[in-house]
């Protein structure tokens, strides 16, 4: 018996890297998987259907069930076709893993409008569109009297939650995904849908291309050493969050190697206060208590 027996799952960006590992583990745990991938470059250019097809072939070779989908997750109609493809192929949908993304790193003073728009489009809208169509499907099921036990797992990043120079576009999108996760969990719980996010640290085409990370994420030289950067390390947490019995919702988790950490959301701490309006002069003095 697998942890995901009977579950139908969509994994976006599943042709390579972390997404591929998700799809393979999901199938190993008994899920029927829709492998979505455009097969483009890390900058978002080009298209290669073989990436998704190869993962489907791997799953089938291991005795699992999977179909490929090549729709653009940031396209409104494409996102609807993606959700429909799971229902048409397997009769239902229980899990959506939003993983697809691109990189166009640049410091702010050199970043172009296109570099900003492209990354925000693929990451942030590319999470919202499939989520929106999946949520509509589950809401209709709930309204029809069916008990829904669905799960969405989004992909944020420490670049957005903690910051990383040179990735203003990527970080802004990933911070937005963190907020989208929390709000979606608040809205969709009534329909039986849980929503969580991960901020993974692993070796992928994107991290290998990130300035300062390329040398760090290399596999260890010793064959018997634990590879903390192996993308397969990320997938067990995603699979757990996708299980029917998992209670977590509205949470964001950091995951790397054998480590899982819970992010603390934005929260208010110490304060200064008076009974009326502050003057600028008063703030110049009192703000020292907040600024340390």
Foldseek 3Di string as FASTA:
>chain_A
DALQAPAEEEFAPCLDFLNVLQQQVNQVRHYAYEYEYQCADLQPDDGDQVSSVVSQVVSVVVVGHYHYQHFQLLDQVSLLVRLVVRCVVPNDHAEYEQDDFHADFAAPVPDDPCRLVVRLSRQQSSLVRNVVNNLVVLQVCVVVPHQHAHEYEYEAACCQVVNDGRGPSNNVSRVNVLVVQLVCQVVRVVSNYAGEYEHEAADDSVQCPDPPRVVVRDADPDPPDQRQRRSSQPNVVVSLRGGSPDPDHSWYWYTTRPDIDTDDDDDDDDDDDDPDDDDPVRCVPVVVVVVD
